[in-house]
Amino acid sequence: MRIAITGSTGLIGTALARSLESDRHDVVRLVRRPPRAGEVHWDPAAGEIDAAGLEGLDGVVHLAGKGIGDGRWTEAHLREVHDSRVRGTALLGEALASLDTPPPVLVSGSAVGYYGDRGDEVLTEDAAPGTGTLPDLCRAWEAATGIAEAAGIRVVHLRTGIVLAPDGGALGKQLLPFKLGLGGRAGDGRQWFPWVSIDDEVGAIRFLLDRPVSGAVNVSAPAPVRNVEFVKALGAELHRPTVVPIPRFVRRLPLGVGPLLDTLLFWSTRAEPRALVEAGYRFRHPDLGPALADLLAH
């Protein structure tokens, strides 16, 4: 297969490209710098994309966008996050729709942030969106694929959970404080933690490229855990105590830090991957303990 990837240098994109290439698939990377062989230029901020370089694709995986946790939640930062994701998705969709032979499938990034903070409610793909900054962003992000869908391209919205990988993402950032014995639950620790291993994130994307699935797909493990369970499991795997809780007063911190930590640590999103399971995907890491043991053994 010939698969184009945006965001190919990110945590998920890097792992996906490596997986595809190891199976001798042809990966076309969309890049902002001057392209080399096997690459296609695009610059969402400038509205530029070399559509001709996208002819003859078997699929596109769209993962690019400024990280929501890459800065304080100021108005300027959130606008940049919104524009990079929504405008970038619309630009890509327009380019694909304009092709003589559009690719059959576009697997486009989204997040379980679509559902917001929902307590113990079980959230499958047909659950209503939440309210607030992240749910609004995810709705606009998904809607931006509309022109691709109208052109007959099968579109999948990856509502990804918290991706666990030892070399980046949420797990990578927590390893040092946990190794120092500074890990602990957030608040009372009862909030649901919708995790997925990097192996299953990549596996699910590759599965969705091949299967006749469209629309929203929750990419999270079938056995979500509460925050306190995640903390205990990580501490046990690292052989470290987890007795330093993160207090809820961080919600009141200034300059956007509070809302960011509130979302990442205190929101409860009990997402379940019904669409993936019903389509026949088999998780490599359905349970947290073995997943952490496998990831941290590398």
Protein backbone atom coordinates (compact mmCIF):
# COMPACT_ATOMS: atom_id res chain seq x y z
CA MET A 1 0.00 0.00 0.00
CA ARG A 2 0.97 3.63 -0.48
CA ILE A 3 -0.06 5.60 2.60
CA ALA A 4 0.38 9.33 3.23
CA ILE A 5 0.88 10.53 6.80
CA THR A 6 0.68 14.03 8.24
CA GLY A 7 2.32 14.50 11.62
CA SER A 8 4.81 11.76 10.77
CA THR A 9 7.40 13.10 13.23
CA GLY A 10 5.05 13.00 16.22
CA LEU A 11 4.71 10.20 18.75
CA ILE A 12 2.00 8.30 16.87
CA GLY A 13 3.13 9.24 13.36
CA THR A 14 6.68 8.04 13.95
CA ALA A 15 5.51 4.68 15.28
CA LEU A 16 2.96 4.28 12.48
CA ALA A 17 5.46 5.07 9.71
CA ARG A 18 7.96 2.64 11.22
CA SER A 19 5.34 -0.10 11.40
CA LEU A 20 4.17 0.40 7.81
CA GLU A 21 7.69 0.55 6.41
CA SER A 22 8.72 -2.57 8.30
CA ASP A 23 6.01 -4.39 6.32
CA ARG A 24 7.31 -2.88 3.07
CA HIS A 25 4.51 -0.39 2.56
CA ASP A 26 5.31 2.92 0.86
CA VAL A 27 4.97 5.88 3.26
CA VAL A 28 4.53 9.39 1.87
CA ARG A 29 5.27 12.05 4.50
CA LEU A 30 3.66 15.49 4.30
CA VAL A 31 6.24 18.03 5.50
CA ARG A 32 6.47 21.79 5.93
CA ARG A 33 10.15 22.04 4.98
CA PRO A 34 11.37 21.59 1.39
CA PRO A 35 10.41 18.00 0.53
CA ARG A 36 12.84 15.22 -0.21
CA ALA A 37 12.16 12.06 -2.20
CA GLY A 38 9.00 10.35 -0.95
CA GLU A 39 7.72 13.54 0.70
CA VAL A 40 5.02 16.08 -0.19
CA HIS A 41 5.07 19.74 0.80
CA TRP A 42 2.24 21.25 2.75
CA ASP A 43 1.92 24.28 5.00
CA PRO A 44 -1.51 24.57 6.63
CA ALA A 45 -0.76 27.99 8.11
CA ALA A 46 -0.08 29.34 4.62
CA GLY A 47 -2.85 27.29 2.99
CA GLU A 48 -0.33 25.45 0.77
CA ILE A 49 -0.35 21.81 -0.27
CA ASP A 50 1.11 19.99 -3.26
CA ALA A 51 -2.03 18.08 -4.20
CA ALA A 52 -0.38 16.47 -7.23
CA GLY A 53 1.91 14.54 -4.88
CA LEU A 54 -1.13 12.86 -3.34
CA GLU A 55 -2.26 11.04 -6.47
CA GLY A 56 -2.18 7.26 -6.39
CA LEU A 57 -2.61 6.80 -2.64
CA ASP A 58 -4.27 3.83 -0.97
CA GLY A 59 -5.02 5.83 2.14
CA VAL A 60 -4.21 8.92 4.20
CA VAL A 61 -3.62 9.16 7.95
CA HIS A 62 -3.96 12.70 9.25
CA LEU A 63 -2.29 13.20 12.64
CA ALA A 64 -0.85 16.72 12.39
CA GLY A 65 -1.76 19.56 14.71
CA LYS A 66 -0.22 21.66 17.45
CA GLY A 67 -0.26 19.80 20.76
CA ILE A 68 -2.81 21.12 23.19
CA GLY A 69 -0.36 20.57 26.04
CA ASP A 70 2.54 22.35 24.32
CA GLY A 71 1.89 25.63 26.10
CA ARG A 72 -0.28 27.45 28.61
CA TRP A 73 -3.97 27.64 27.81
CA THR A 74 -3.91 31.26 26.76
CA GLU A 75 -6.33 32.55 24.15
CA ALA A 76 -3.52 32.78 21.58
CA HIS A 77 -2.35 29.22 22.23
CA LEU A 78 -5.84 27.75 21.96
CA ARG A 79 -6.46 29.66 18.73
CA GLU A 80 -3.26 28.22 17.29
CA VAL A 81 -4.27 24.70 18.37
CA HIS A 82 -7.70 25.17 16.78
CA ASP A 83 -6.38 26.60 13.52
CA SER A 84 -3.65 23.99 13.11
CA ARG A 85 -6.16 21.18 13.44
CA VAL A 86 -9.33 22.53 11.86
CA ARG A 87 -7.79 24.52 9.01
CA GLY A 88 -5.18 21.84 8.38
CA THR A 89 -7.88 19.16 8.14
CA ALA A 90 -10.00 21.28 5.80
CA LEU A 91 -6.98 22.01 3.58
CA LEU A 92 -6.12 18.32 3.35
CA GLY A 93 -9.72 17.35 2.67
CA GLU A 94 -10.03 19.89 -0.14
CA ALA A 95 -6.81 18.65 -1.73
CA LEU A 96 -7.90 15.01 -1.58
CA ALA A 97 -11.35 15.83 -2.99
CA SER A 98 -9.75 17.63 -5.91
CA LEU A 99 -7.71 14.64 -7.07
CA ASP A 100 -8.52 12.74 -10.26
CA THR A 101 -8.52 9.58 -8.16
CA PRO A 102 -9.08 10.38 -4.48
CA PRO A 103 -7.79 7.85 -1.95
CA PRO A 104 -10.44 5.42 -0.70
CA VAL A 105 -9.93 6.26 2.98
CA LEU A 106 -8.91 9.15 5.25
CA VAL A 107 -8.17 8.23 8.87
CA SER A 108 -8.25 11.57 10.66
CA GLY A 109 -7.22 12.41 14.20
CA SER A 110 -9.60 13.40 16.96
CA ALA A 111 -9.66 12.67 20.70
CA VAL A 112 -11.80 11.34 23.54
CA GLY A 113 -11.81 14.97 24.66
CA TYR A 114 -14.89 15.10 22.40
CA TYR A 115 -16.93 13.74 25.33
CA GLY A 116 -15.68 16.10 28.02
CA ASP A 117 -15.79 15.39 31.76
CA ARG A 118 -18.57 12.80 32.19
CA GLY A 119 -18.06 11.04 35.52
CA ASP A 120 -18.96 7.33 35.44
CA GLU A 121 -21.01 7.50 32.21
CA VAL A 122 -19.97 4.81 29.71
CA LEU A 123 -19.07 6.64 26.49
CA THR A 124 -19.36 4.74 23.23
CA GLU A 125 -19.13 6.42 19.84
CA ASP A 126 -22.80 7.43 19.77
CA ALA A 127 -22.57 9.43 23.00
CA ALA A 128 -23.32 13.13 22.74
CA PRO A 129 -20.40 15.60 22.76
CA GLY A 130 -19.46 17.36 25.94
CA THR A 131 -19.24 21.10 26.50
CA GLY A 132 -16.22 23.35 26.75
CA THR A 133 -12.98 24.06 24.93
CA LEU A 134 -11.85 20.52 24.12
CA PRO A 135 -15.24 19.11 23.05
CA ASP A 136 -15.84 22.15 20.85
CA LEU A 137 -12.40 21.73 19.28
CA CYS A 138 -12.99 18.03 18.57
CA ARG A 139 -16.38 18.69 16.98
CA ALA A 140 -14.92 21.34 14.67
CA TRP A 141 -11.93 19.10 13.92
CA GLU A 142 -14.16 16.21 12.87
CA ALA A 143 -16.52 18.44 10.89
CA ALA A 144 -13.59 19.75 8.84
CA THR A 145 -13.41 16.41 7.00
CA GLY A 146 -16.82 17.10 5.44
CA ILE A 147 -15.51 17.94 1.96
CA ALA A 148 -13.58 14.65 1.85
CA GLU A 149 -16.69 12.71 2.84
CA ALA A 150 -18.74 14.55 0.21
CA ALA A 151 -16.19 13.42 -2.40
CA GLY A 152 -16.89 9.78 -1.51
CA ILE A 153 -13.83 9.18 0.65
CA ARG A 154 -14.42 6.88 3.62
CA VAL A 155 -13.54 8.96 6.68
CA VAL A 156 -12.67 7.60 10.12
CA HIS A 157 -12.41 9.91 13.13
CA LEU A 158 -9.82 8.58 15.59
CA ARG A 159 -11.12 9.54 19.03
CA THR A 160 -7.86 8.60 20.68
CA GLY A 161 -7.40 8.20 24.40
CA ILE A 162 -4.23 8.85 26.37
CA VAL A 163 -1.48 7.08 24.43
CA LEU A 164 1.03 5.24 26.58
CA ALA A 165 4.55 5.04 25.19
CA PRO A 166 7.82 4.94 27.14
CA ASP A 167 9.52 7.55 24.96
CA GLY A 168 6.91 10.30 24.93
CA GLY A 169 3.36 11.36 25.62
CA ALA A 170 1.73 11.18 29.03
CA LEU A 171 3.64 8.12 30.22
CA GLY A 172 7.02 9.44 29.13
CA LYS A 173 6.42 12.67 31.06
CA GLN A 174 5.43 10.82 34.23
CA LEU A 175 8.29 8.35 34.39
CA LEU A 176 10.84 10.64 36.07
CA PRO A 177 8.63 11.89 38.93
CA PHE A 178 7.34 8.36 39.53
CA LYS A 179 10.89 6.97 39.55
CA LEU A 180 11.74 9.62 42.15
CA GLY A 181 8.85 8.47 44.33
CA LEU A 182 6.82 11.62 43.61
CA GLY A 183 3.91 9.94 41.84
CA GLY A 184 0.40 9.96 43.22
CA ARG A 185 -3.28 10.11 42.39
CA ALA A 186 -4.95 13.28 41.14
CA GLY A 187 -7.54 14.43 43.65
CA ASP A 188 -9.53 11.46 44.92
CA GLY A 189 -8.33 9.40 41.94
CA ARG A 190 -11.81 8.17 40.99
CA GLN A 191 -11.81 9.78 37.54
CA TRP A 192 -11.65 7.38 34.57
CA PHE A 193 -8.41 7.24 32.60
CA PRO A 194 -9.00 6.26 28.92
CA TRP A 195 -5.59 4.82 28.06
CA VAL A 196 -4.28 2.97 25.00
CA SER A 197 -0.83 1.57 24.31
CA ILE A 198 1.17 2.97 21.40
CA ASP A 199 1.14 -0.54 19.90
CA ASP A 200 -2.65 -0.64 19.86
CA GLU A 201 -2.89 2.93 18.59
CA VAL A 202 -0.79 1.94 15.59
CA GLY A 203 -2.54 -1.41 15.28
CA ALA A 204 -5.97 0.23 15.29
CA ILE A 205 -4.99 2.75 12.62
CA ARG A 206 -3.68 0.02 10.34
CA PHE A 207 -6.81 -2.05 11.00
CA LEU A 208 -9.06 0.90 10.12
CA LEU A 209 -7.19 1.55 6.87
CA ASP A 210 -8.23 -1.91 5.69
CA ARG A 211 -11.72 -2.43 7.17
CA PRO A 212 -15.01 -0.88 5.96
CA VAL A 213 -15.45 1.22 9.11
CA SER A 214 -16.39 4.89 8.96
CA GLY A 215 -17.29 7.67 11.37
CA ALA A 216 -16.17 7.99 14.97
CA VAL A 217 -14.00 5.26 16.51
CA ASN A 218 -12.86 5.33 20.13
CA VAL A 219 -9.22 4.25 20.22
CA SER A 220 -8.82 3.30 23.85
CA ALA A 221 -8.28 0.04 25.68
CA PRO A 222 -11.37 -2.08 26.42
CA ALA A 223 -10.51 -2.03 30.14
CA PRO A 224 -10.31 1.64 31.20
CA VAL A 225 -9.09 2.27 34.73
CA ARG A 226 -9.54 4.97 37.31
CA ASN A 227 -6.71 7.41 37.91
CA VAL A 228 -5.82 5.80 41.24
CA GLU A 229 -5.57 2.37 39.56
CA PHE A 230 -3.26 3.74 36.89
CA VAL A 231 -1.05 5.37 39.52
CA LYS A 232 -0.83 2.17 41.57
CA ALA A 233 -0.06 0.05 38.50
CA LEU A 234 2.71 2.39 37.32
CA GLY A 235 4.20 2.62 40.81
CA ALA A 236 4.16 -1.17 41.13
CA GLU A 237 5.86 -1.63 37.76
CA LEU A 238 8.58 0.87 38.74
CA HIS A 239 8.81 -0.46 42.32
CA ARG A 240 8.18 3.00 43.73
CA PRO A 241 5.68 4.37 46.29
CA THR A 242 2.78 6.50 45.01
CA VAL A 243 1.83 8.56 48.05
CA VAL A 244 2.12 12.16 46.81
CA PRO A 245 -1.35 13.18 45.60
CA ILE A 246 -1.93 16.11 43.26
CA PRO A 247 -4.40 18.43 45.04
CA ARG A 248 -7.42 19.91 43.31
CA PHE A 249 -6.29 23.50 44.00
CA VAL A 250 -4.25 23.33 40.77
CA ARG A 251 -7.56 24.08 39.04
CA ARG A 252 -7.26 27.62 40.34
CA LEU A 253 -3.72 28.27 39.11
CA PRO A 254 -3.35 31.32 36.83
CA LEU A 255 -2.25 31.81 33.21
CA GLY A 256 -3.99 28.78 31.81
CA VAL A 257 -2.12 26.19 33.86
CA GLY A 258 -5.15 25.28 35.96
CA PRO A 259 -7.52 24.49 33.07
CA LEU A 260 -4.85 22.40 31.35
CA LEU A 261 -4.07 20.31 34.42
CA ASP A 262 -7.77 20.05 35.19
CA THR A 263 -8.40 18.53 31.77
CA LEU A 264 -5.41 16.19 31.70
CA LEU A 265 -5.61 14.96 35.29
CA PHE A 266 -9.08 15.48 36.72
CA TRP A 267 -11.48 14.91 33.85
CA SER A 268 -13.29 11.58 33.93
CA THR A 269 -13.86 10.07 30.48
CA ARG A 270 -14.97 6.43 30.52
CA ALA A 271 -14.56 5.83 26.79
CA GLU A 272 -15.07 2.31 25.46
CA PRO A 273 -13.97 1.10 22.00
CA ARG A 274 -17.24 -0.44 20.86
CA ALA A 275 -16.73 0.24 17.14
CA LEU A 276 -13.26 -1.34 17.14
CA VAL A 277 -14.37 -4.40 19.07
CA GLU A 278 -17.44 -4.95 16.90
CA ALA A 279 -15.31 -4.62 13.76
CA GLY A 280 -13.08 -7.43 15.04
CA TYR A 281 -9.97 -5.63 16.23
CA ARG A 282 -8.01 -7.66 18.78
CA PHE A 283 -6.08 -5.58 21.28
CA ARG A 284 -2.49 -6.47 21.96
CA HIS A 285 -2.77 -4.73 25.35
CA PRO A 286 -6.32 -4.95 26.67
CA ASP A 287 -5.23 -4.69 30.33
CA LEU A 288 -3.09 -2.02 31.97
CA GLY A 289 -0.67 -4.08 34.07
CA PRO A 290 0.68 -6.25 31.25
CA ALA A 291 0.71 -3.22 28.96
CA LEU A 292 2.97 -1.25 31.32
CA ALA A 293 5.23 -4.27 31.83
CA ASP A 294 5.62 -4.68 28.08
CA LEU A 295 6.10 -0.98 27.31
CA LEU A 296 8.63 -0.39 30.09
CA ALA A 297 10.63 -3.51 29.23
CA HIS A 298 11.80 -1.96 25.95
